[in-house]
Protein backbone atom coordinates (compact mmCIF):
# COMPACT_ATOMS: atom_id res chain seq x y z
CA UNK A 1 73.14 77.39 1.30
CA UNK A 2 69.91 79.39 0.97
CA UNK A 3 68.06 79.24 -2.33
CA UNK A 4 66.02 82.19 -3.54
CA UNK A 5 62.56 81.60 -4.97
CA UNK A 6 61.02 84.05 -7.39
CA UNK A 7 57.25 83.76 -7.94
CA UNK A 8 56.18 84.23 -11.57
CA UNK A 9 53.12 83.63 -13.69
CA UNK A 10 53.59 82.13 -17.16
CA UNK A 11 51.02 81.15 -19.76
CA UNK A 12 50.61 77.69 -21.21
CA UNK A 13 51.80 79.18 -24.50
CA UNK A 14 55.13 80.03 -22.81
CA UNK A 15 55.64 76.44 -21.70
CA UNK A 16 54.71 75.14 -25.16
CA UNK A 17 57.26 77.45 -26.75
CA UNK A 18 60.00 76.36 -24.34
CA UNK A 19 59.13 72.71 -24.97
CA UNK A 20 59.29 73.05 -28.76
CA UNK A 21 62.60 74.91 -28.60
CA UNK A 22 64.21 72.32 -26.31
CA UNK A 23 64.41 74.70 -23.37
CA UNK A 24 62.18 72.68 -21.03
CA UNK A 25 63.34 69.57 -19.20
CA UNK A 26 60.36 67.59 -17.91
CA UNK A 27 62.08 64.50 -16.57
CA UNK A 28 65.17 65.20 -14.49
CA UNK A 29 66.57 62.12 -12.74
CA UNK A 30 64.93 62.84 -9.39
CA UNK A 31 61.43 63.33 -10.79
CA UNK A 32 58.79 60.61 -10.77
CA UNK A 33 58.29 58.87 -14.06
CA UNK A 34 55.27 59.43 -16.25
CA UNK A 35 52.37 57.76 -14.39
CA UNK A 36 49.18 59.71 -15.13
CA UNK A 37 46.30 57.89 -16.77
CA UNK A 38 44.44 59.41 -19.72
CA UNK A 39 41.44 60.05 -17.47
CA UNK A 40 43.63 62.02 -15.05
CA UNK A 41 45.02 64.05 -17.94
CA UNK A 42 41.51 64.75 -19.18
CA UNK A 43 40.51 66.02 -15.75
CA UNK A 44 43.39 68.52 -15.77
CA UNK A 45 42.47 69.80 -19.23
CA UNK A 46 38.84 70.19 -18.15
CA UNK A 47 40.12 72.15 -15.13
CA UNK A 48 42.06 74.47 -17.42
CA UNK A 49 39.22 75.01 -19.89
CA UNK A 50 36.91 75.87 -16.98
CA UNK A 51 39.54 78.38 -15.76
CA UNK A 52 39.85 76.63 -12.39
CA UNK A 53 43.13 76.76 -10.49
CA UNK A 54 45.81 74.11 -10.38
CA UNK A 55 48.80 73.82 -8.04
CA UNK A 56 52.01 75.74 -8.57
CA UNK A 57 54.87 74.49 -10.68
CA UNK A 58 58.46 74.69 -9.44
CA UNK A 59 61.15 75.31 -12.05
CA UNK A 60 64.92 75.75 -11.90
CA UNK A 61 66.26 78.18 -14.50
CA UNK A 62 69.80 77.75 -15.77
CA UNK A 63 71.70 79.85 -18.28
CA UNK A 64 73.75 78.02 -20.89
CA UNK A 65 75.38 79.66 -23.92
CA UNK A 66 73.14 82.71 -23.55
CA UNK A 67 69.98 80.62 -23.53
CA UNK A 68 67.74 79.99 -20.54
CA UNK A 69 66.85 76.36 -19.85
CA UNK A 70 64.15 75.33 -17.43
CA UNK A 71 64.23 72.13 -15.38
CA UNK A 72 60.92 71.15 -13.81
CA UNK A 73 61.41 70.30 -10.15
CA UNK A 74 57.73 69.77 -9.35
CA UNK A 75 54.80 69.60 -11.78
CA UNK A 76 56.14 67.55 -14.67
CA UNK A 77 53.05 65.36 -14.96
CA UNK A 78 50.78 68.39 -15.26
CA UNK A 79 53.00 70.02 -17.86
CA UNK A 80 53.39 66.77 -19.79
CA UNK A 81 49.61 66.36 -19.96
CA UNK A 82 49.24 69.94 -21.19
CA UNK A 83 51.81 69.44 -23.93
CA UNK A 84 50.31 66.12 -24.99
CA UNK A 85 46.85 67.62 -25.23
CA UNK A 86 48.16 70.48 -27.36
CA UNK A 87 49.62 67.85 -29.68
CA UNK A 88 46.21 66.11 -29.97
CA UNK A 89 47.50 62.97 -28.22
CA UNK A 90 44.28 62.40 -26.21
CA UNK A 91 40.71 63.73 -26.06
CA UNK A 92 38.63 65.10 -23.20
CA UNK A 93 36.65 62.40 -21.43
CA UNK A 94 32.85 62.47 -21.24
CA UNK A 95 33.30 61.82 -17.52
CA UNK A 96 34.56 65.38 -17.11
CA UNK A 97 32.67 67.30 -19.79
CA UNK A 98 29.69 66.08 -21.77
CA UNK A 99 29.83 69.05 -24.14
CA UNK A 100 33.55 68.65 -24.94
CA UNK A 101 33.67 64.84 -24.85
CA UNK A 102 35.97 63.38 -27.49
CA UNK A 103 37.52 66.72 -28.41
CA UNK A 104 41.24 67.12 -28.88
CA UNK A 105 42.91 70.52 -28.94
CA UNK A 106 42.46 70.96 -32.69
CA UNK A 107 38.72 70.26 -32.27
CA UNK A 108 38.20 73.18 -29.87
CA UNK A 109 36.79 76.41 -31.20
CA UNK A 110 39.00 79.48 -31.35
CA UNK A 111 37.73 80.86 -28.05
CA UNK A 112 38.48 77.68 -26.11
CA UNK A 113 41.88 77.35 -27.73
CA UNK A 114 42.59 80.89 -26.58
CA UNK A 115 41.50 80.07 -23.03
CA UNK A 116 43.80 77.05 -23.05
CA UNK A 117 46.86 78.86 -24.45
CA UNK A 118 46.49 81.90 -22.20
CA UNK A 119 45.81 79.90 -19.00
CA UNK A 120 48.13 81.25 -16.26
CA UNK A 121 50.41 78.79 -14.46
CA UNK A 122 51.76 80.06 -11.15
CA UNK A 123 55.44 79.18 -11.11
CA UNK A 124 58.15 79.44 -8.48
CA UNK A 125 61.58 79.97 -10.05
CA UNK A 126 64.91 78.81 -8.58
CA UNK A 127 67.98 80.22 -10.27
CA UNK A 128 71.07 78.10 -10.97
CA UNK A 129 70.66 75.58 -8.16
CA UNK A 130 73.02 72.62 -8.02
CA UNK A 131 71.82 69.05 -8.54
CA UNK A 132 72.37 68.39 -4.85
CA UNK A 133 70.17 71.36 -3.90
CA UNK A 134 67.45 70.30 -6.33
CA UNK A 135 67.46 66.74 -5.01
CA UNK A 136 67.05 68.10 -1.49
CA UNK A 137 64.24 70.43 -2.58
CA UNK A 138 62.38 67.67 -4.39
CA UNK A 139 62.73 65.32 -1.43
CA UNK A 140 61.33 67.98 0.90
CA UNK A 141 58.40 68.71 -1.41
CA UNK A 142 57.44 65.06 -1.28
CA UNK A 143 58.07 64.58 2.44
CA UNK A 144 56.52 67.47 4.29
CA UNK A 145 52.86 68.37 4.31
CA UNK A 146 49.62 67.10 5.77
CA UNK A 147 49.07 63.39 5.39
CA UNK A 148 46.20 62.70 3.00
CA UNK A 149 43.02 61.36 4.57
CA UNK A 150 40.87 58.61 3.09
CA UNK A 151 38.76 60.73 0.74
CA UNK A 152 41.80 62.71 -0.44
CA UNK A 153 43.66 59.48 -1.21
CA UNK A 154 40.70 58.20 -3.22
CA UNK A 155 40.61 61.38 -5.26
CA UNK A 156 44.31 61.13 -5.88
CA UNK A 157 44.02 57.50 -7.00
CA UNK A 158 40.82 57.48 -9.08
CA UNK A 159 39.62 59.77 -11.86
CA UNK A 160 36.50 57.93 -13.03
CA UNK A 161 32.81 58.67 -13.27
CA UNK A 162 31.88 58.19 -9.61
CA UNK A 163 34.74 60.36 -8.44
CA UNK A 164 33.69 63.17 -10.77
CA UNK A 165 30.04 63.04 -9.74
CA UNK A 166 30.76 62.77 -5.99
CA UNK A 167 33.02 65.81 -6.28
CA UNK A 168 30.42 67.76 -8.25
CA UNK A 169 27.54 67.00 -5.89
CA UNK A 170 29.74 67.62 -2.87
CA UNK A 171 30.47 71.10 -4.19
CA UNK A 172 26.72 71.66 -4.60
CA UNK A 173 25.88 70.81 -0.99
CA UNK A 174 29.03 72.14 0.69
CA UNK A 175 27.57 75.48 1.73
CA UNK A 176 24.44 73.96 3.26
CA UNK A 177 26.54 71.45 5.22
CA UNK A 178 28.76 74.26 6.50
CA UNK A 179 25.98 76.75 7.31
CA UNK A 180 23.90 74.04 8.99
CA UNK A 181 26.80 73.10 11.25
CA UNK A 182 26.92 69.55 9.89
CA UNK A 183 30.53 70.00 8.81
CA UNK A 184 33.15 72.47 10.03
CA UNK A 185 35.28 74.63 7.78
CA UNK A 186 38.21 72.39 8.65
CA UNK A 187 36.28 69.32 7.47
CA UNK A 188 35.33 71.11 4.25
CA UNK A 189 38.99 72.00 3.66
CA UNK A 190 39.79 68.26 3.80
CA UNK A 191 37.00 67.28 1.34
CA UNK A 192 34.46 66.40 4.00
CA UNK A 193 31.59 67.53 1.78
CA UNK A 194 32.77 65.18 -0.98
CA UNK A 195 32.90 62.26 1.43
CA UNK A 196 29.37 63.11 2.62
CA UNK A 197 28.22 63.30 -1.00
CA UNK A 198 29.84 59.95 -1.87
CA UNK A 199 28.15 58.26 1.11
CA UNK A 200 24.74 59.59 0.06
CA UNK A 201 25.19 58.57 -3.57
CA UNK A 202 26.25 55.04 -2.61
CA UNK A 203 23.19 54.70 -0.35
CA UNK A 204 20.90 55.60 -3.24
CA UNK A 205 22.75 53.51 -5.83
CA UNK A 206 23.27 50.37 -3.75
CA UNK A 207 21.22 50.72 -0.58
CA UNK A 208 22.41 51.59 2.92
CA UNK A 209 25.87 50.24 3.66
CA UNK A 210 28.64 50.83 6.13
CA UNK A 211 29.64 54.47 5.70
CA UNK A 212 33.16 53.37 4.84
CA UNK A 213 31.84 51.32 1.91
CA UNK A 214 31.79 54.38 -0.34
CA UNK A 215 35.47 53.74 -1.00
CA UNK A 216 34.54 50.62 -2.99
CA UNK A 217 32.39 52.74 -5.30
CA UNK A 218 35.43 54.72 -6.41
CA UNK A 219 36.98 51.47 -7.62
CA UNK A 220 33.79 49.80 -8.91
CA UNK A 221 32.73 52.87 -10.88
CA UNK A 222 36.22 53.96 -11.95
CA UNK A 223 35.11 54.06 -15.55
CA UNK A 224 35.20 56.82 -18.12
CA UNK A 225 31.55 56.67 -19.07
CA UNK A 226 28.52 54.42 -18.78
CA UNK A 227 25.15 55.71 -19.92
CA UNK A 228 23.24 53.51 -17.50
CA UNK A 229 25.35 54.60 -14.53
CA UNK A 230 25.07 58.26 -15.57
CA UNK A 231 21.29 57.88 -15.61
CA UNK A 232 21.27 56.19 -12.20
CA UNK A 233 23.44 58.91 -10.66
CA UNK A 234 21.28 61.61 -12.27
CA UNK A 235 18.22 60.02 -10.67
CA UNK A 236 19.99 59.67 -7.31
CA UNK A 237 20.92 63.35 -7.33
CA UNK A 238 17.36 64.31 -8.24
CA UNK A 239 16.02 62.28 -5.29
CA UNK A 240 18.55 63.93 -2.98
CA UNK A 241 17.65 67.37 -4.31
CA UNK A 242 14.00 66.76 -3.44
CA UNK A 243 14.98 65.60 0.05
CA UNK A 244 17.09 68.72 0.65
CA UNK A 245 14.28 70.90 -0.73
CA UNK A 246 11.85 69.27 1.71
CA UNK A 247 14.21 69.95 4.59
CA UNK A 248 14.55 73.58 3.47
CA UNK A 249 10.77 73.97 3.67
CA UNK A 250 10.91 73.04 7.35
CA UNK A 251 14.16 74.44 8.71
CA UNK A 252 16.60 77.21 7.92
CA UNK A 253 20.31 76.42 8.12
CA UNK A 254 20.51 78.25 11.44
CA UNK A 255 17.65 76.23 12.86
CA UNK A 256 19.37 72.98 11.89
CA UNK A 257 22.58 74.24 13.49
CA UNK A 258 20.67 74.83 16.72
CA UNK A 259 18.97 71.44 16.67
CA UNK A 260 20.21 67.89 17.10
CA UNK A 261 20.07 67.46 13.31
CA UNK A 262 23.41 69.22 12.96
CA UNK A 263 25.01 65.94 14.02
CA UNK A 264 26.37 64.39 10.79
CA UNK A 265 24.99 60.88 11.41
CA UNK A 266 21.53 62.22 12.28
CA UNK A 267 21.46 64.67 9.36
CA UNK A 268 22.56 61.88 7.00
CA UNK A 269 19.77 59.57 8.16
CA UNK A 270 17.22 62.39 8.01
CA UNK A 271 17.99 63.01 4.32
CA UNK A 272 17.76 59.26 3.62
CA UNK A 273 14.43 59.14 5.46
CA UNK A 274 13.02 61.81 3.14
CA UNK A 275 14.28 59.83 0.15
CA UNK A 276 12.76 56.61 1.53
CA UNK A 277 9.41 58.33 2.07
CA UNK A 278 9.30 58.97 -1.68
CA UNK A 279 9.93 55.26 -2.29
CA UNK A 280 13.43 55.84 -3.67
CA UNK A 281 15.67 54.06 -1.15
CA UNK A 282 16.46 50.36 -1.56
CA UNK A 283 15.27 47.99 1.19
CA UNK A 284 12.58 50.43 2.32
CA UNK A 285 9.51 48.92 0.76
CA UNK A 286 6.87 49.91 3.30
CA UNK A 287 4.85 52.96 2.29
CA UNK A 288 5.24 56.04 4.50
CA UNK A 289 3.58 59.39 4.01
CA UNK A 290 5.25 62.56 5.20
CA UNK A 291 2.69 65.26 5.98
CA UNK A 292 2.41 67.97 3.35
CA UNK A 293 1.60 70.45 6.08
CA UNK A 294 4.99 71.96 6.91
CA UNK A 295 3.97 72.89 10.44
CA UNK A 296 2.95 69.32 11.29
CA UNK A 297 6.24 67.99 9.90
CA UNK A 298 8.18 70.67 11.76
CA UNK A 299 6.41 69.82 15.01
CA UNK A 300 7.31 66.13 14.64
CA UNK A 301 10.93 66.92 13.82
CA UNK A 302 11.16 69.34 16.74
CA UNK A 303 9.83 66.70 19.11
CA UNK A 304 12.31 64.11 17.88
CA UNK A 305 15.17 66.59 18.23
CA UNK A 306 14.06 67.37 21.77
CA UNK A 307 13.80 63.67 22.62
CA UNK A 308 17.33 63.10 21.30
CA UNK A 309 18.60 66.04 23.31
CA UNK A 310 17.02 64.71 26.50
CA UNK A 311 18.21 61.12 26.11
CA UNK A 312 21.40 61.34 24.08
CA UNK A 313 22.84 64.67 25.23
CA UNK A 314 21.50 65.07 28.75
CA UNK A 315 21.33 61.37 29.53
CA UNK A 316 17.80 61.40 30.91
CA UNK A 317 16.25 58.02 31.55
CA UNK A 318 13.90 56.82 28.81
CA UNK A 319 10.91 54.58 29.21
CA UNK A 320 11.94 50.94 29.23
CA UNK A 321 8.83 50.12 27.25
CA UNK A 322 9.85 52.32 24.32
CA UNK A 323 12.10 49.71 22.72
CA UNK A 324 12.40 51.39 19.33
CA UNK A 325 13.55 54.70 20.77
CA UNK A 326 15.95 52.98 23.18
CA UNK A 327 17.48 51.06 20.28
CA UNK A 328 17.69 54.31 18.33
CA UNK A 329 19.59 56.08 21.10
CA UNK A 330 21.74 53.03 21.79
CA UNK A 331 22.72 52.89 18.13
CA UNK A 332 23.73 56.55 18.18
CA UNK A 333 25.97 55.93 21.18
CA UNK A 334 27.65 52.76 19.98
CA UNK A 335 28.07 52.67 16.22
CA UNK A 336 26.97 55.64 14.13
CA UNK A 337 28.61 54.41 10.90
CA UNK A 338 27.57 50.74 10.81
CA UNK A 339 24.98 49.56 8.32
CA UNK A 340 22.62 48.11 10.92
CA UNK A 341 22.57 51.29 12.98
CA UNK A 342 22.23 53.56 9.93
CA UNK A 343 19.27 51.51 8.67
CA UNK A 344 17.71 51.43 12.13
CA UNK A 345 18.22 55.18 12.59
CA UNK A 346 16.74 55.99 9.17
CA UNK A 347 13.79 53.69 9.77
CA UNK A 348 13.07 55.24 13.16
CA UNK A 349 13.21 58.81 11.85
CA UNK A 350 10.90 57.77 9.02
CA UNK A 351 8.30 56.35 11.41
CA UNK A 352 8.47 59.45 13.62
CA UNK A 353 8.04 62.05 10.88
CA UNK A 354 5.34 60.05 9.11
CA UNK A 355 3.36 59.65 12.30
CA UNK A 356 3.54 55.88 12.13
CA UNK A 357 4.22 55.79 15.89
């Protein structure tokens, strides 16, 4: 039997009214039980108060004794969090909003309460479906779809401070990564910019590690707030901002796209090299000076890009006596994400752009 879906848009105030009148069923037998943490709930409320979008809700409407009852097929955890916040059952976390930290619904000013109550929830309506049909629909909703990748799984599992900051900084650098050809639109659509951001932040917080090690940071820093960690992340982002600004002085996004620096592993190490030159990367204690003259720096970067193109792309034979460059190219070919090769690559770029060799 074919079920008909009717797309509608309801306000949070509508769902609150249905809940208070007993016309909203949040926990049918086939739904998952209440599992969201308070931090996850806070993140949703912050999303709403910032007028960002959230996924659709699927509801089955049934008529009983001239009253319409609504059974939530998909979205009960979101709706439950909304209702609980309205009832002042939890506050907004500082992790998600410094200005609204600790505020419950009754603490919000009239304008923010209005934004909350009038927030539109896109809703697909099924009319009078049987339990069997709803079970089948729910099973399909939770079966089909693209399998989550590593970064998506981490963002589904953790809601703490590191997750919030990696997401925020990833959003900040997403356009430059896309326009520079470092990441494709497909990668961006699967949170590639957030993964790149998390890897950079971990390198500045803990030193260069395996690129996959960023996953541990989601668990280690899965905390609501920590003033010392906030300060360290603020400093890390400031160091990264200066590195990106330095790169912008030398190359446009198009020029990066047309150079070897559009390769993610090379771009990543280039940014870390700029950070290290300022003395802000752990395990890089030797002093290096990057030329203030943009043309000199550009010339050195151009030469390195050309050398990489000759040896790495075109496979031209390199001098056997140039051990450092040979190791650099060898590392690019064999293991671009291992700690040793990342450190070696960053060190080599640093020596080249500083004129140390």
